[in-house]
Amino acid sequence: MTDLFASRVRNGLKITDENETLRRQLAQRDTTITDQAAEIKRLREVLRGIEWPRQTCDRSPYCPMCGGLRHDGHKTDCALVAALSPSKTETDSTPTEKP
């Protein structure tokens, strides 16, 4: 046990440097995740803008991806509604409110 403590003291500078490197890597990862979340939110807002194009003279608004009419909703396999829906990872990481 004494030898382990002595090696940590001798190598204290190295351990500190490794910790600082890890701290910087984690901070960079957190920044990247935050940036990606903001980009996903922005892109979803753009997609919502084209989700239901304006009504044409012969049809009510319809989805440009699946062709579903607005009053009927999207088809079950619509790629646009899938892109607009939060992923399982996003819903799992959302903090829940405590009662």
C-alpha atoms as a PDB file:
ATOM      1  CA  MET A   1       0.000   0.000   0.000  1.00  0.00           C
ATOM      2  CA  THR A   2       2.834   2.381   0.790  1.00  0.00           C
ATOM      3  CA  ASP A   3       4.468   1.703  -2.578  1.00  0.00           C
ATOM      4  CA  LEU A   4       1.272   2.631  -4.415  1.00  0.00           C
ATOM      5  CA  PHE A   5       1.014   5.918  -2.527  1.00  0.00           C
ATOM      6  CA  ALA A   6       4.693   6.669  -3.146  1.00  0.00           C
ATOM      7  CA  SER A   7       4.329   6.061  -6.898  1.00  0.00           C
ATOM      8  CA  ARG A   8       1.344   8.440  -7.022  1.00  0.00           C
ATOM      9  CA  VAL A   9       3.335  11.135  -5.286  1.00  0.00           C
ATOM     10  CA  ARG A  10       6.296  10.653  -7.633  1.00  0.00           C
ATOM     11  CA  ASN A  11       4.008  10.638 -10.646  1.00  0.00           C
ATOM     12  CA  GLY A  12       1.668  13.313  -9.282  1.00  0.00           C
ATOM     13  CA  LEU A  13       2.478  15.738 -12.074  1.00  0.00           C
ATOM     14  CA  LYS A  14       1.708  13.130 -14.724  1.00  0.00           C
ATOM     15  CA  ILE A  15      -1.628  12.243 -13.085  1.00  0.00           C
ATOM     16  CA  THR A  16      -2.553  15.933 -12.909  1.00  0.00           C
ATOM     17  CA  ASP A  17      -1.686  16.428 -16.597  1.00  0.00           C
ATOM     18  CA  GLU A  18      -3.784  13.420 -17.594  1.00  0.00           C
ATOM     19  CA  ASN A  19      -6.704  14.732 -15.535  1.00  0.00           C
ATOM     20  CA  GLU A  20      -6.464  18.132 -17.229  1.00  0.00           C
ATOM     21  CA  THR A  21      -6.395  16.483 -20.655  1.00  0.00           C
ATOM     22  CA  LEU A  22      -9.478  14.447 -19.780  1.00  0.00           C
ATOM     23  CA  ARG A  23     -11.245  17.551 -18.435  1.00  0.00           C
ATOM     24  CA  ARG A  24     -10.581  19.399 -21.706  1.00  0.00           C
ATOM     25  CA  GLN A  25     -11.786  16.424 -23.759  1.00  0.00           C
ATOM     26  CA  LEU A  26     -15.014  16.241 -21.735  1.00  0.00           C
ATOM     27  CA  ALA A  27     -15.587  19.978 -22.093  1.00  0.00           C
ATOM     28  CA  GLN A  28     -15.087  19.697 -25.866  1.00  0.00           C
ATOM     29  CA  ARG A  29     -17.504  16.763 -26.009  1.00  0.00           C
ATOM     30  CA  ASP A  30     -20.113  18.716 -24.059  1.00  0.00           C
ATOM     31  CA  THR A  31     -19.729  21.688 -26.414  1.00  0.00           C
ATOM     32  CA  THR A  32     -20.088  19.397 -29.439  1.00  0.00           C
ATOM     33  CA  ILE A  33     -23.235  17.785 -28.012  1.00  0.00           C
ATOM     34  CA  THR A  34     -24.754  21.202 -27.270  1.00  0.00           C
ATOM     35  CA  ASP A  35     -23.933  22.429 -30.785  1.00  0.00           C
ATOM     36  CA  GLN A  36     -25.428  19.301 -32.356  1.00  0.00           C
ATOM     37  CA  ALA A  37     -28.612  19.598 -30.291  1.00  0.00           C
ATOM     38  CA  ALA A  38     -29.021  23.217 -31.424  1.00  0.00           C
ATOM     39  CA  GLU A  39     -28.515  22.192 -35.064  1.00  0.00           C
ATOM     40  CA  ILE A  40     -31.075  19.384 -34.758  1.00  0.00           C
ATOM     41  CA  LYS A  41     -33.590  21.830 -33.278  1.00  0.00           C
ATOM     42  CA  ARG A  42     -32.961  24.315 -36.115  1.00  0.00           C
ATOM     43  CA  LEU A  43     -33.341  21.656 -38.806  1.00  0.00           C
ATOM     44  CA  ARG A  44     -36.571  20.356 -37.265  1.00  0.00           C
ATOM     45  CA  GLU A  45     -37.978  23.886 -37.349  1.00  0.00           C
ATOM     46  CA  VAL A  46     -37.142  24.080 -41.072  1.00  0.00           C
ATOM     47  CA  LEU A  47     -38.820  20.712 -41.684  1.00  0.00           C
ATOM     48  CA  ARG A  48     -41.941  21.814 -39.792  1.00  0.00           C
ATOM     49  CA  GLY A  49     -42.145  24.749 -42.202  1.00  0.00           C
ATOM     50  CA  ILE A  50     -42.464  22.396 -45.173  1.00  0.00           C
ATOM     51  CA  GLU A  51     -44.440  19.655 -43.447  1.00  0.00           C
ATOM     52  CA  TRP A  52     -47.795  20.781 -44.856  1.00  0.00           C
ATOM     53  CA  PRO A  53     -47.417  22.863 -48.041  1.00  0.00           C
ATOM     54  CA  ARG A  54     -50.200  25.302 -48.865  1.00  0.00           C
ATOM     55  CA  GLN A  55     -53.466  24.042 -50.168  1.00  0.00           C
ATOM     56  CA  THR A  56     -53.706  23.640 -53.930  1.00  0.00           C
ATOM     57  CA  CYS A  57     -56.928  24.172 -55.842  1.00  0.00           C
ATOM     58  CA  ASP A  58     -57.643  20.451 -56.030  1.00  0.00           C
ATOM     59  CA  ARG A  59     -56.187  19.125 -52.748  1.00  0.00           C
ATOM     60  CA  SER A  60     -55.941  20.079 -49.107  1.00  0.00           C
ATOM     61  CA  PRO A  61     -52.410  20.448 -47.699  1.00  0.00           C
ATOM     62  CA  TYR A  62     -50.456  17.205 -47.970  1.00  0.00           C
ATOM     63  CA  CYS A  63     -47.092  15.905 -46.815  1.00  0.00           C
ATOM     64  CA  PRO A  64     -44.457  16.162 -49.556  1.00  0.00           C
ATOM     65  CA  MET A  65     -42.818  12.913 -48.374  1.00  0.00           C
ATOM     66  CA  CYS A  66     -45.686  10.461 -47.843  1.00  0.00           C
ATOM     67  CA  GLY A  67     -48.566  12.256 -49.580  1.00  0.00           C
ATOM     68  CA  GLY A  68     -50.775  12.017 -46.495  1.00  0.00           C
ATOM     69  CA  LEU A  69     -53.438  14.696 -46.302  1.00  0.00           C
ATOM     70  CA  ARG A  70     -53.202  17.049 -43.342  1.00  0.00           C
ATOM     71  CA  HIS A  71     -56.640  16.140 -41.995  1.00  0.00           C
ATOM     72  CA  ASP A  72     -55.711  12.412 -42.149  1.00  0.00           C
ATOM     73  CA  GLY A  73     -52.142  12.819 -40.922  1.00  0.00           C
ATOM     74  CA  HIS A  74     -48.923  11.232 -42.069  1.00  0.00           C
ATOM     75  CA  LYS A  75     -48.659   7.647 -43.250  1.00  0.00           C
ATOM     76  CA  THR A  76     -47.091   5.315 -40.689  1.00  0.00           C
ATOM     77  CA  ASP A  77     -43.799   4.983 -42.586  1.00  0.00           C
ATOM     78  CA  CYS A  78     -43.361   8.704 -43.351  1.00  0.00           C
ATOM     79  CA  ALA A  79     -39.716   9.761 -43.227  1.00  0.00           C
ATOM     80  CA  LEU A  80     -40.653  13.382 -42.512  1.00  0.00           C
ATOM     81  CA  VAL A  81     -42.633  12.586 -39.370  1.00  0.00           C
ATOM     82  CA  ALA A  82     -39.760  10.327 -38.261  1.00  0.00           C
ATOM     83  CA  ALA A  83     -37.305  13.210 -38.717  1.00  0.00           C
ATOM     84  CA  LEU A  84     -39.588  15.563 -36.776  1.00  0.00           C
ATOM     85  CA  SER A  85     -39.999  13.161 -33.864  1.00  0.00           C
ATOM     86  CA  PRO A  86     -37.418  13.118 -31.073  1.00  0.00           C
ATOM     87  CA  SER A  87     -35.155  10.080 -31.103  1.00  0.00           C
ATOM     88  CA  LYS A  88     -35.128   7.566 -28.255  1.00  0.00           C
ATOM     89  CA  THR A  89     -31.778   9.004 -27.131  1.00  0.00           C
ATOM     90  CA  GLU A  90     -33.252  12.502 -26.928  1.00  0.00           C
ATOM     91  CA  THR A  91     -36.263  11.363 -24.920  1.00  0.00           C
ATOM     92  CA  ASP A  92     -34.090   9.231 -22.605  1.00  0.00           C
ATOM     93  CA  SER A  93     -31.808  12.193 -21.822  1.00  0.00           C
ATOM     94  CA  THR A  94     -34.636  14.653 -21.159  1.00  0.00           C
ATOM     95  CA  PRO A  95     -34.789  15.414 -17.440  1.00  0.00           C
ATOM     96  CA  THR A  96     -38.043  14.372 -15.852  1.00  0.00           C
ATOM     97  CA  GLU A  97     -39.883  16.584 -13.434  1.00  0.00           C
ATOM     98  CA  LYS A  98     -40.133  15.410  -9.868  1.00  0.00           C
ATOM     99  CA  PRO A  99     -43.571  15.590  -8.218  1.00  0.00           C
END
